[in-house]
Amino acid sequence: MVTSVSAAQTVATQAGTTSTPAALTSDFETFLKMLTAQARFQDPLKPIDSTEYAAQLAQFSMVEQQVLTNDTLKALAAQFGAQSPTSLAAWVGMEARAVTPLAFDGQPITIAPEVPVGASGARLVVRNASGAEVQRLTIPLLADTVQWTGQKEGGGTFPAGTYSFEVEALTNGEVTATTQAAVYARVTEAQLNGGAVVLIFEGGTAVPASAVTALREAA
């Protein structure tokens, strides 16, 4: 019997080791064969919940889209990195999106959550620099971005420092997936370090350009 966990892990591993459209198509065909086998050999007395199938399809779709996005942005980063140091100014002033901890100084942090298709709810989990959870908030399912203001539920503001963010996807009240959430931050400096471009965000966070998944003009 092919289990839900093994099927999802196999597909995620395959998608993470290849980045060509043909390979993604092959992975998807393999994934469908695995789902078919899973349905064929399941225990008729304990049939698999249909929500598991939907969750697996959503997970594969997210991996596929992330691989394609990463390929495009890696090419963009390589293009910037191949230019002279003076051309690095093109990065400065832009808002970049990356999965990274970010410095909080009292100003809201813009977060770009990715919630799997089929989830019935989502929560934002905030952790401090030590990795300890400091807050858990319900967020809209369809929001492209959400603002973390740093306000405590009982009043007051969290102290200045570095915070990271996770998104929990919920189905029928149960956590079905947890992913690191990307943040948007303004680039204040771009550096060439060993031939690679390193971006400095407001607050001093350093992020390799290869980790950037989106760029937009700063508001």
Protein backbone atom coordinates (compact mmCIF):
# COMPACT_ATOMS: atom_id res chain seq x y z
CA MET A 1 0.00 0.00 0.00
CA VAL A 2 1.32 3.46 -0.90
CA THR A 3 0.78 5.83 2.03
CA SER A 4 -0.11 9.50 1.78
CA VAL A 5 3.10 10.56 3.50
CA SER A 6 5.41 8.49 1.31
CA ALA A 7 3.67 9.66 -1.85
CA ALA A 8 3.98 13.33 -0.95
CA GLN A 9 7.61 12.93 0.18
CA THR A 10 8.58 11.12 -3.02
CA VAL A 11 7.05 13.77 -5.21
CA ALA A 12 8.57 16.64 -3.20
CA THR A 13 12.01 14.99 -3.42
CA GLN A 14 11.73 14.48 -7.17
CA ALA A 15 10.50 18.01 -7.78
CA GLY A 16 13.27 19.44 -5.61
CA THR A 17 16.03 17.73 -7.62
CA THR A 18 14.95 18.81 -11.09
CA SER A 19 13.85 22.06 -12.62
CA THR A 20 12.89 21.38 -16.25
CA PRO A 21 9.27 21.46 -17.49
CA ALA A 22 9.68 17.95 -18.96
CA ALA A 23 10.85 16.62 -15.60
CA LEU A 24 7.93 18.28 -13.81
CA THR A 25 5.51 16.67 -16.27
CA SER A 26 7.12 13.30 -15.65
CA ASP A 27 6.90 13.83 -11.90
CA PHE A 28 3.22 14.69 -12.14
CA GLU A 29 2.48 11.55 -14.18
CA THR A 30 4.34 9.50 -11.57
CA PHE A 31 2.39 11.26 -8.84
CA LEU A 32 -0.95 10.39 -10.49
CA LYS A 33 0.14 6.75 -10.82
CA MET A 34 0.95 6.73 -7.12
CA LEU A 35 -2.44 8.18 -6.25
CA THR A 36 -4.12 5.53 -8.42
CA ALA A 37 -2.15 2.78 -6.71
CA GLN A 38 -2.98 4.28 -3.34
CA ALA A 39 -6.71 4.20 -4.12
CA ARG A 40 -6.52 0.70 -5.62
CA PHE A 41 -4.76 -0.94 -2.68
CA GLN A 42 -6.33 0.96 0.19
CA ASP A 43 -8.09 -0.95 2.94
CA PRO A 44 -11.80 -1.01 1.96
CA LEU A 45 -12.70 -1.03 5.66
CA LYS A 46 -10.65 2.13 6.23
CA PRO A 47 -10.87 4.14 3.01
CA ILE A 48 -8.62 7.17 2.71
CA ASP A 49 -10.35 10.50 3.25
CA SER A 50 -10.82 12.43 0.02
CA THR A 51 -9.28 15.47 1.70
CA GLU A 52 -5.95 13.61 1.75
CA TYR A 53 -6.02 13.39 -2.04
CA ALA A 54 -6.78 17.09 -2.30
CA ALA A 55 -3.97 17.92 0.12
CA GLN A 56 -1.47 15.84 -1.88
CA LEU A 57 -2.47 17.51 -5.16
CA ALA A 58 -2.20 20.93 -3.54
CA GLN A 59 1.25 20.12 -2.15
CA PHE A 60 2.50 18.97 -5.54
CA SER A 61 1.08 22.08 -7.22
CA MET A 62 2.87 24.33 -4.70
CA VAL A 63 6.19 22.52 -5.26
CA GLU A 64 5.78 22.72 -9.03
CA GLN A 65 5.02 26.44 -9.00
CA GLN A 66 7.87 27.15 -6.59
CA VAL A 67 10.37 25.29 -8.80
CA LEU A 68 9.31 27.25 -11.89
CA THR A 69 9.39 30.55 -9.98
CA ASN A 70 12.81 29.78 -8.55
CA ASP A 71 14.21 29.02 -12.01
CA THR A 72 13.02 32.37 -13.33
CA LEU A 73 14.35 34.32 -10.37
CA LYS A 74 17.69 32.48 -10.37
CA ALA A 75 18.14 33.56 -13.98
CA LEU A 76 17.31 37.13 -12.94
CA ALA A 77 19.74 36.97 -10.02
CA ALA A 78 22.46 35.59 -12.30
CA GLN A 79 21.86 38.45 -14.71
CA PHE A 80 22.28 40.99 -11.93
CA GLY A 81 25.28 39.16 -10.54
CA ALA A 82 27.07 39.20 -13.88
CA GLN A 83 26.97 42.98 -14.04
CA SER A 84 29.48 45.44 -12.63
CA PRO A 85 29.27 46.60 -8.99
CA THR A 86 27.84 49.95 -10.12
CA SER A 87 24.85 48.18 -11.69
CA LEU A 88 23.95 46.69 -8.30
CA ALA A 89 22.13 49.96 -7.67
CA ALA A 90 19.21 48.42 -9.58
CA TRP A 91 18.45 46.34 -6.49
CA VAL A 92 18.59 49.21 -4.04
CA GLY A 93 15.22 50.68 -3.14
CA MET A 94 13.29 47.65 -4.42
CA GLU A 95 11.14 45.49 -2.16
CA ALA A 96 12.33 41.90 -2.28
CA ARG A 97 10.48 38.81 -1.07
CA ALA A 98 12.41 36.02 0.63
CA VAL A 99 12.02 33.42 3.33
CA THR A 100 14.19 34.93 6.05
CA PRO A 101 13.98 36.24 9.60
CA LEU A 102 13.53 40.00 9.64
CA ALA A 103 14.35 42.79 12.05
CA PHE A 104 11.35 44.43 13.75
CA ASP A 105 11.69 48.00 15.00
CA GLY A 106 8.06 48.89 15.61
CA GLN A 107 7.11 49.20 11.94
CA PRO A 108 4.74 46.58 10.44
CA ILE A 109 6.30 43.66 8.57
CA THR A 110 4.68 42.56 5.30
CA ILE A 111 4.31 38.78 5.06
CA ALA A 112 3.45 36.77 1.94
CA PRO A 113 1.73 33.58 3.17
CA GLU A 114 1.24 30.61 0.86
CA VAL A 115 -1.75 28.53 1.93
CA PRO A 116 -2.35 25.21 0.10
CA VAL A 117 -5.48 24.89 -2.01
CA GLY A 118 -8.19 23.06 -0.09
CA ALA A 119 -7.26 24.38 3.34
CA SER A 120 -10.19 25.61 5.40
CA GLY A 121 -8.16 27.94 7.59
CA ALA A 122 -4.72 29.39 8.18
CA ARG A 123 -2.68 30.68 11.11
CA LEU A 124 0.44 32.81 11.30
CA VAL A 125 3.02 31.66 13.84
CA VAL A 126 5.57 34.25 14.98
CA ARG A 127 8.91 33.21 16.54
CA ASN A 128 11.62 35.31 18.15
CA ALA A 129 15.36 35.13 17.44
CA SER A 130 15.67 32.12 19.76
CA GLY A 131 13.00 30.21 17.85
CA ALA A 132 10.43 30.43 20.63
CA GLU A 133 6.82 31.00 19.60
CA VAL A 134 5.60 34.42 20.73
CA GLN A 135 2.31 34.77 18.88
CA ARG A 136 -0.24 32.83 16.84
CA LEU A 137 -2.81 34.66 14.72
CA THR A 138 -5.61 33.65 12.35
CA ILE A 139 -5.06 35.06 8.84
CA PRO A 140 -7.30 35.24 5.73
CA LEU A 141 -7.07 32.30 3.34
CA LEU A 142 -6.90 34.29 0.12
CA ALA A 143 -4.72 37.22 1.19
CA ASP A 144 -1.63 37.82 -0.97
CA THR A 145 0.02 39.64 1.92
CA VAL A 146 -0.71 40.27 5.59
CA GLN A 147 0.76 42.83 7.98
CA TRP A 148 2.30 41.81 11.27
CA THR A 149 2.14 44.92 13.42
CA GLY A 150 3.95 43.47 16.42
CA GLN A 151 1.03 44.28 18.69
CA LYS A 152 0.46 41.94 21.62
CA GLU A 153 -3.05 40.62 22.14
CA GLY A 154 -3.12 41.91 25.71
CA GLY A 155 -1.78 45.31 24.71
CA GLY A 156 1.68 46.66 24.11
CA THR A 157 4.23 45.94 21.39
CA PHE A 158 6.79 43.20 21.04
CA PRO A 159 10.36 44.37 21.67
CA ALA A 160 12.64 45.28 18.78
CA GLY A 161 14.49 42.26 17.49
CA THR A 162 14.57 39.59 14.80
CA TYR A 163 11.44 37.53 14.13
CA SER A 164 10.59 34.69 11.76
CA PHE A 165 7.20 33.53 10.51
CA GLU A 166 5.44 30.27 9.70
CA VAL A 167 2.04 29.55 8.17
CA GLU A 168 -0.07 26.63 9.38
CA ALA A 169 -2.71 25.32 6.98
CA LEU A 170 -5.81 23.88 8.64
CA THR A 171 -8.36 21.36 7.41
CA ASN A 172 -11.35 20.70 9.66
CA GLY A 173 -9.47 22.35 12.49
CA GLU A 174 -6.38 20.12 12.15
CA VAL A 175 -2.97 21.34 11.01
CA THR A 176 -2.22 19.69 7.65
CA ALA A 177 0.87 21.64 6.58
CA THR A 178 3.38 24.09 8.05
CA THR A 179 5.55 26.26 5.80
CA GLN A 180 8.08 29.02 6.34
CA ALA A 181 6.52 32.34 5.35
CA ALA A 182 8.28 34.80 3.08
CA VAL A 183 8.52 38.48 3.97
CA TYR A 184 8.79 41.65 1.89
CA ALA A 185 11.52 44.10 2.83
CA ARG A 186 13.20 47.08 1.19
CA VAL A 187 16.73 46.55 -0.09
CA THR A 188 19.08 49.20 1.30
CA GLU A 189 22.34 47.80 -0.10
CA ALA A 190 23.55 45.24 -2.66
CA GLN A 191 26.98 43.65 -2.41
CA LEU A 192 29.16 41.35 -4.50
CA ASN A 193 30.51 38.64 -2.24
CA GLY A 194 32.62 35.94 -3.89
CA GLY A 195 30.87 36.55 -7.20
CA ALA A 196 27.41 36.26 -5.66
CA VAL A 197 24.99 39.10 -5.01
CA VAL A 198 24.05 39.65 -1.37
CA LEU A 199 21.17 41.97 -0.48
CA ILE A 200 20.94 43.93 2.76
CA PHE A 201 17.41 44.55 3.98
CA GLU A 202 16.25 47.35 6.25
CA GLY A 203 17.32 46.41 9.73
CA GLY A 204 20.52 44.75 8.54
CA THR A 205 19.31 41.29 7.47
CA ALA A 206 21.58 39.87 4.73
CA VAL A 207 19.98 37.62 2.10
CA PRO A 208 21.57 36.05 -1.01
CA ALA A 209 19.90 37.26 -4.20
CA SER A 210 19.31 33.62 -5.14
CA ALA A 211 16.87 33.37 -2.20
CA VAL A 212 14.65 36.17 -3.56
CA THR A 213 11.34 34.93 -4.94
CA ALA A 214 9.81 38.26 -6.03
CA LEU A 215 10.70 41.90 -6.61
CA ARG A 216 8.44 44.95 -6.63
CA GLU A 217 8.75 48.71 -6.38
CA ALA A 218 8.74 49.95 -2.82
CA ALA A 219 5.59 51.76 -1.75
